[in-house]
Amino acid sequence: MNELKWRRSTRSEQYNCVEVALVSDGALVRDSKAPEEARVAVTVDQWRRFLAQISAGRYDT
């Protein structure tokens, strides 16, 4: 099995963020403070919708 390549946004804080690893059928998301704990798995379509919502400003504060 290939090792996952986790990455985080360049806009996130150094110790308070989530990380994402792209996999063949979607993406995995984890808490950077607890990388060995639970991960959230999303499908390709769910990940694309999430990114589109971010681009549209849905989560802006």
PDB file of N, CA and C in Angstrom:
ATOM      1  N   MET A   1       0.849  -1.193   0.000  1.00  0.00           N
ATOM      2  CA  MET A   1       0.000   0.000   0.000  1.00  0.00           C
ATOM      3  C   MET A   1       0.886   1.245   0.000  1.00  0.00           C
ATOM      4  N   ASN A   2       0.513   2.238  -0.801  1.00  0.00           N
ATOM      5  CA  ASN A   2       1.256   3.485  -0.846  1.00  0.00           C
ATOM      6  C   ASN A   2       1.024   4.297   0.419  1.00  0.00           C
ATOM      7  N   GLU A   3       2.059   4.995   0.847  1.00  0.00           N
ATOM      8  CA  GLU A   3       1.929   5.869   2.002  1.00  0.00           C
ATOM      9  C   GLU A   3       1.098   7.084   1.606  1.00  0.00           C
ATOM     10  N   LEU A   4       0.198   7.494   2.488  1.00  0.00           N
ATOM     11  CA  LEU A   4      -0.645   8.644   2.203  1.00  0.00           C
ATOM     12  C   LEU A   4       0.176   9.921   2.274  1.00  0.00           C
ATOM     13  N   LYS A   5      -0.125  10.862   1.398  1.00  0.00           N
ATOM     14  CA  LYS A   5       0.546  12.163   1.396  1.00  0.00           C
ATOM     15  C   LYS A   5      -0.429  13.187   1.962  1.00  0.00           C
ATOM     16  N   TRP A   6      -0.257  13.508   3.227  1.00  0.00           N
ATOM     17  CA  TRP A   6      -1.125  14.456   3.904  1.00  0.00           C
ATOM     18  C   TRP A   6      -0.639  15.870   3.637  1.00  0.00           C
ATOM     19  N   ARG A   7      -1.588  16.779   3.457  1.00  0.00           N
ATOM     20  CA  ARG A   7      -1.226  18.179   3.267  1.00  0.00           C
ATOM     21  C   ARG A   7      -2.270  19.059   3.931  1.00  0.00           C
ATOM     22  N   ARG A   8      -1.872  20.295   4.181  1.00  0.00           N
ATOM     23  CA  ARG A   8      -2.787  21.260   4.786  1.00  0.00           C
ATOM     24  C   ARG A   8      -2.734  22.558   4.017  1.00  0.00           C
ATOM     25  N   SER A   9      -3.744  23.350   4.183  1.00  0.00           N
ATOM     26  CA  SER A   9      -3.817  24.625   3.490  1.00  0.00           C
ATOM     27  C   SER A   9      -2.694  25.545   3.952  1.00  0.00           C
ATOM     28  N   THR A  10      -2.179  26.320   3.043  1.00  0.00           N
ATOM     29  CA  THR A  10      -1.164  27.310   3.412  1.00  0.00           C
ATOM     30  C   THR A  10      -1.787  28.430   4.233  1.00  0.00           C
ATOM     31  N   ARG A  11      -3.095  28.506   4.251  1.00  0.00           N
ATOM     32  CA  ARG A  11      -3.793  29.529   5.032  1.00  0.00           C
ATOM     33  C   ARG A  11      -4.119  29.088   6.446  1.00  0.00           C
ATOM     34  N   SER A  12      -3.889  27.848   6.784  1.00  0.00           N
ATOM     35  CA  SER A  12      -4.236  27.374   8.115  1.00  0.00           C
ATOM     36  C   SER A  12      -3.138  27.716   9.111  1.00  0.00           C
ATOM     37  N   GLU A  13      -3.545  27.734  10.369  1.00  0.00           N
ATOM     38  CA  GLU A  13      -2.596  27.979  11.444  1.00  0.00           C
ATOM     39  C   GLU A  13      -1.673  26.773  11.569  1.00  0.00           C
ATOM     40  N   GLN A  14      -0.526  26.985  12.174  1.00  0.00           N
ATOM     41  CA  GLN A  14       0.459  25.914  12.246  1.00  0.00           C
ATOM     42  C   GLN A  14      -0.031  24.707  13.035  1.00  0.00           C
ATOM     43  N   TYR A  15      -0.776  24.916  14.131  1.00  0.00           N
ATOM     44  CA  TYR A  15      -1.165  23.798  14.984  1.00  0.00           C
ATOM     45  C   TYR A  15      -2.673  23.590  15.092  1.00  0.00           C
ATOM     46  N   ASN A  16      -3.455  24.310  14.343  1.00  0.00           N
ATOM     47  CA  ASN A  16      -4.897  24.232  14.491  1.00  0.00           C
ATOM     48  C   ASN A  16      -5.542  24.107  13.119  1.00  0.00           C
ATOM     49  N   CYS A  17      -5.451  22.932  12.534  1.00  0.00           N
ATOM     50  CA  CYS A  17      -5.982  22.784  11.182  1.00  0.00           C
ATOM     51  C   CYS A  17      -6.354  21.336  10.898  1.00  0.00           C
ATOM     52  N   VAL A  18      -6.893  21.132   9.744  1.00  0.00           N
ATOM     53  CA  VAL A  18      -7.151  19.788   9.259  1.00  0.00           C
ATOM     54  C   VAL A  18      -6.188  19.493   8.119  1.00  0.00           C
ATOM     55  N   GLU A  19      -5.982  18.229   7.874  1.00  0.00           N
ATOM     56  CA  GLU A  19      -5.115  17.792   6.783  1.00  0.00           C
ATOM     57  C   GLU A  19      -5.929  16.891   5.867  1.00  0.00           C
ATOM     58  N   VAL A  20      -5.550  16.854   4.608  1.00  0.00           N
ATOM     59  CA  VAL A  20      -6.265  16.041   3.636  1.00  0.00           C
ATOM     60  C   VAL A  20      -5.270  15.180   2.859  1.00  0.00           C
ATOM     61  N   ALA A  21      -5.698  13.973   2.561  1.00  0.00           N
ATOM     62  CA  ALA A  21      -4.934  13.074   1.693  1.00  0.00           C
ATOM     63  C   ALA A  21      -5.884  12.597   0.602  1.00  0.00           C
ATOM     64  N   LEU A  22      -5.493  12.801  -0.637  1.00  0.00           N
ATOM     65  CA  LEU A  22      -6.319  12.342  -1.748  1.00  0.00           C
ATOM     66  C   LEU A  22      -6.067  10.859  -1.979  1.00  0.00           C
ATOM     67  N   VAL A  23      -7.141  10.110  -2.165  1.00  0.00           N
ATOM     68  CA  VAL A  23      -7.072   8.673  -2.438  1.00  0.00           C
ATOM     69  C   VAL A  23      -7.850   8.404  -3.721  1.00  0.00           C
ATOM     70  N   SER A  24      -7.749   7.210  -4.238  1.00  0.00           N
ATOM     71  CA  SER A  24      -8.340   6.907  -5.541  1.00  0.00           C
ATOM     72  C   SER A  24      -9.846   7.136  -5.609  1.00  0.00           C
ATOM     73  N   ASP A  25     -10.548   6.925  -4.505  1.00  0.00           N
ATOM     74  CA  ASP A  25     -12.003   7.067  -4.530  1.00  0.00           C
ATOM     75  C   ASP A  25     -12.514   8.278  -3.761  1.00  0.00           C
ATOM     76  N   GLY A  26     -11.620   9.245  -3.450  1.00  0.00           N
ATOM     77  CA  GLY A  26     -12.063  10.440  -2.747  1.00  0.00           C
ATOM     78  C   GLY A  26     -10.945  11.087  -1.962  1.00  0.00           C
ATOM     79  N   ALA A  27     -11.249  11.404  -0.709  1.00  0.00           N
ATOM     80  CA  ALA A  27     -10.274  12.065   0.148  1.00  0.00           C
ATOM     81  C   ALA A  27     -10.469  11.623   1.588  1.00  0.00           C
ATOM     82  N   LEU A  28      -9.392  11.691   2.345  1.00  0.00           N
ATOM     83  CA  LEU A  28      -9.425  11.451   3.783  1.00  0.00           C
ATOM     84  C   LEU A  28      -9.082  12.767   4.459  1.00  0.00           C
ATOM     85  N   VAL A  29      -9.774  13.055   5.564  1.00  0.00           N
ATOM     86  CA  VAL A  29      -9.543  14.290   6.300  1.00  0.00           C
ATOM     87  C   VAL A  29      -9.270  13.912   7.750  1.00  0.00           C
ATOM     88  N   ARG A  30      -8.272  14.585   8.364  1.00  0.00           N
ATOM     89  CA  ARG A  30      -7.948  14.301   9.761  1.00  0.00           C
ATOM     90  C   ARG A  30      -7.582  15.593  10.486  1.00  0.00           C
ATOM     91  N   ASP A  31      -7.592  15.530  11.795  1.00  0.00           N
ATOM     92  CA  ASP A  31      -7.194  16.639  12.657  1.00  0.00           C
ATOM     93  C   ASP A  31      -5.680  16.606  12.797  1.00  0.00           C
ATOM     94  N   SER A  32      -5.016  17.704  12.508  1.00  0.00           N
ATOM     95  CA  SER A  32      -3.551  17.726  12.562  1.00  0.00           C
ATOM     96  C   SER A  32      -3.019  17.546  13.985  1.00  0.00           C
ATOM     97  N   LYS A  33      -3.836  17.864  15.000  1.00  0.00           N
ATOM     98  CA  LYS A  33      -3.400  17.699  16.391  1.00  0.00           C
ATOM     99  C   LYS A  33      -3.500  16.245  16.852  1.00  0.00           C
ATOM    100  N   ALA A  34      -4.272  15.430  16.153  1.00  0.00           N
ATOM    101  CA  ALA A  34      -4.459  14.030  16.531  1.00  0.00           C
ATOM    102  C   ALA A  34      -4.437  13.170  15.268  1.00  0.00           C
ATOM    103  N   PRO A  35      -3.309  13.115  14.568  1.00  0.00           N
ATOM    104  CA  PRO A  35      -3.267  12.445  13.269  1.00  0.00           C
ATOM    105  C   PRO A  35      -3.521  10.945  13.296  1.00  0.00           C
ATOM    106  N   GLU A  36      -3.353  10.305  14.431  1.00  0.00           N
ATOM    107  CA  GLU A  36      -3.568   8.859  14.506  1.00  0.00           C
ATOM    108  C   GLU A  36      -5.001   8.497  14.879  1.00  0.00           C
ATOM    109  N   GLU A  37      -5.801   9.486  15.184  1.00  0.00           N
ATOM    110  CA  GLU A  37      -7.192   9.225  15.561  1.00  0.00           C
ATOM    111  C   GLU A  37      -8.081   9.154  14.331  1.00  0.00           C
ATOM    112  N   ALA A  38      -9.358   9.252  14.536  1.00  0.00           N
ATOM    113  CA  ALA A  38     -10.349   9.061  13.478  1.00  0.00           C
ATOM    114  C   ALA A  38     -10.116   9.960  12.269  1.00  0.00           C
ATOM    115  N   ARG A  39     -10.434   9.421  11.121  1.00  0.00           N
ATOM    116  CA  ARG A  39     -10.375  10.150   9.861  1.00  0.00           C
ATOM    117  C   ARG A  39     -11.757  10.136   9.243  1.00  0.00           C
ATOM    118  N   VAL A  40     -12.055  11.160   8.499  1.00  0.00           N
ATOM    119  CA  VAL A  40     -13.322  11.236   7.766  1.00  0.00           C
ATOM    120  C   VAL A  40     -13.019  10.916   6.315  1.00  0.00           C
ATOM    121  N   ALA A  41     -13.765   9.990   5.746  1.00  0.00           N
ATOM    122  CA  ALA A  41     -13.596   9.626   4.344  1.00  0.00           C
ATOM    123  C   ALA A  41     -14.761  10.204   3.548  1.00  0.00           C
ATOM    124  N   VAL A  42     -14.446  10.843   2.428  1.00  0.00           N
ATOM    125  CA  VAL A  42     -15.470  11.393   1.547  1.00  0.00           C
ATOM    126  C   VAL A  42     -15.218  10.904   0.131  1.00  0.00           C
ATOM    127  N   THR A  43     -16.290  10.825  -0.646  1.00  0.00           N
ATOM    128  CA  THR A  43     -16.170  10.389  -2.037  1.00  0.00           C
ATOM    129  C   THR A  43     -15.621  11.531  -2.897  1.00  0.00           C
ATOM    130  N   VAL A  44     -15.262  11.209  -4.116  1.00  0.00           N
ATOM    131  CA  VAL A  44     -14.778  12.220  -5.050  1.00  0.00           C
ATOM    132  C   VAL A  44     -15.838  13.304  -5.244  1.00  0.00           C
ATOM    133  N   ASP A  45     -17.095  12.913  -5.454  1.00  0.00           N
ATOM    134  CA  ASP A  45     -18.162  13.890  -5.655  1.00  0.00           C
ATOM    135  C   ASP A  45     -18.368  14.773  -4.428  1.00  0.00           C
ATOM    136  N   GLN A  46     -18.324  14.205  -3.236  1.00  0.00           N
ATOM    137  CA  GLN A  46     -18.471  14.995  -2.017  1.00  0.00           C
ATOM    138  C   GLN A  46     -17.323  15.994  -1.875  1.00  0.00           C
ATOM    139  N   TRP A  47     -16.111  15.559  -2.161  1.00  0.00           N
ATOM    140  CA  TRP A  47     -14.945  16.436  -2.053  1.00  0.00           C
ATOM    141  C   TRP A  47     -15.049  17.587  -3.054  1.00  0.00           C
ATOM    142  N   ARG A  48     -15.451  17.285  -4.277  1.00  0.00           N
ATOM    143  CA  ARG A  48     -15.599  18.337  -5.289  1.00  0.00           C
ATOM    144  C   ARG A  48     -16.672  19.350  -4.895  1.00  0.00           C
ATOM    145  N   ARG A  49     -17.793  18.866  -4.362  1.00  0.00           N
ATOM    146  CA  ARG A  49     -18.847  19.786  -3.913  1.00  0.00           C
ATOM    147  C   ARG A  49     -18.355  20.667  -2.772  1.00  0.00           C
ATOM    148  N   PHE A  50     -17.626  20.084  -1.848  1.00  0.00           N
ATOM    149  CA  PHE A  50     -17.069  20.844  -0.727  1.00  0.00           C
ATOM    150  C   PHE A  50     -16.128  21.937  -1.227  1.00  0.00           C
ATOM    151  N   LEU A  51     -15.232  21.593  -2.138  1.00  0.00           N
ATOM    152  CA  LEU A  51     -14.306  22.589  -2.684  1.00  0.00           C
ATOM    153  C   LEU A  51     -15.051  23.687  -3.445  1.00  0.00           C
ATOM    154  N   ALA A  52     -16.091  23.331  -4.177  1.00  0.00           N
ATOM    155  CA  ALA A  52     -16.893  24.328  -4.896  1.00  0.00           C
ATOM    156  C   ALA A  52     -17.583  25.278  -3.915  1.00  0.00           C
ATOM    157  N   GLN A  53     -18.068  24.742  -2.805  1.00  0.00           N
ATOM    158  CA  GLN A  53     -18.708  25.587  -1.799  1.00  0.00           C
ATOM    159  C   GLN A  53     -17.697  26.549  -1.163  1.00  0.00           C
ATOM    160  N   ILE A  54     -16.504  26.075  -0.920  1.00  0.00           N
ATOM    161  CA  ILE A  54     -15.453  26.955  -0.390  1.00  0.00           C
ATOM    162  C   ILE A  54     -15.171  28.070  -1.377  1.00  0.00           C
ATOM    163  N   SER A  55     -15.000  27.718  -2.642  1.00  0.00           N
ATOM    164  CA  SER A  55     -14.714  28.715  -3.693  1.00  0.00           C
ATOM    165  C   SER A  55     -15.838  29.733  -3.821  1.00  0.00           C
ATOM    166  N   ALA A  56     -17.064  29.306  -3.569  1.00  0.00           N
ATOM    167  CA  ALA A  56     -18.215  30.198  -3.659  1.00  0.00           C
ATOM    168  C   ALA A  56     -18.378  31.064  -2.418  1.00  0.00           C
ATOM    169  N   GLY A  57     -17.540  30.851  -1.394  1.00  0.00           N
ATOM    170  CA  GLY A  57     -17.606  31.675  -0.185  1.00  0.00           C
ATOM    171  C   GLY A  57     -18.604  31.234   0.845  1.00  0.00           C
ATOM    172  N   ARG A  58     -19.108  30.031   0.714  1.00  0.00           N
ATOM    173  CA  ARG A  58     -20.158  29.564   1.636  1.00  0.00           C
ATOM    174  C   ARG A  58     -19.686  29.543   3.090  1.00  0.00           C
ATOM    175  N   TYR A  59     -18.428  29.296   3.362  1.00  0.00           N
ATOM    176  CA  TYR A  59     -17.937  29.168   4.724  1.00  0.00           C
ATOM    177  C   TYR A  59     -17.159  30.386   5.210  1.00  0.00           C
ATOM    178  N   ASP A  60     -17.199  31.467   4.434  1.00  0.00           N
ATOM    179  CA  ASP A  60     -16.503  32.688   4.849  1.00  0.00           C
ATOM    180  C   ASP A  60     -17.169  33.250   6.099  1.00  0.00           C
ATOM    181  N   THR A  61     -16.353  33.827   6.946  1.00  0.00           N
ATOM    182  CA  THR A  61     -16.906  34.433   8.170  1.00  0.00           C
ATOM    183  C   THR A  61     -16.778  35.929   8.134  1.00  0.00           C
TER     184      THR A  61
END
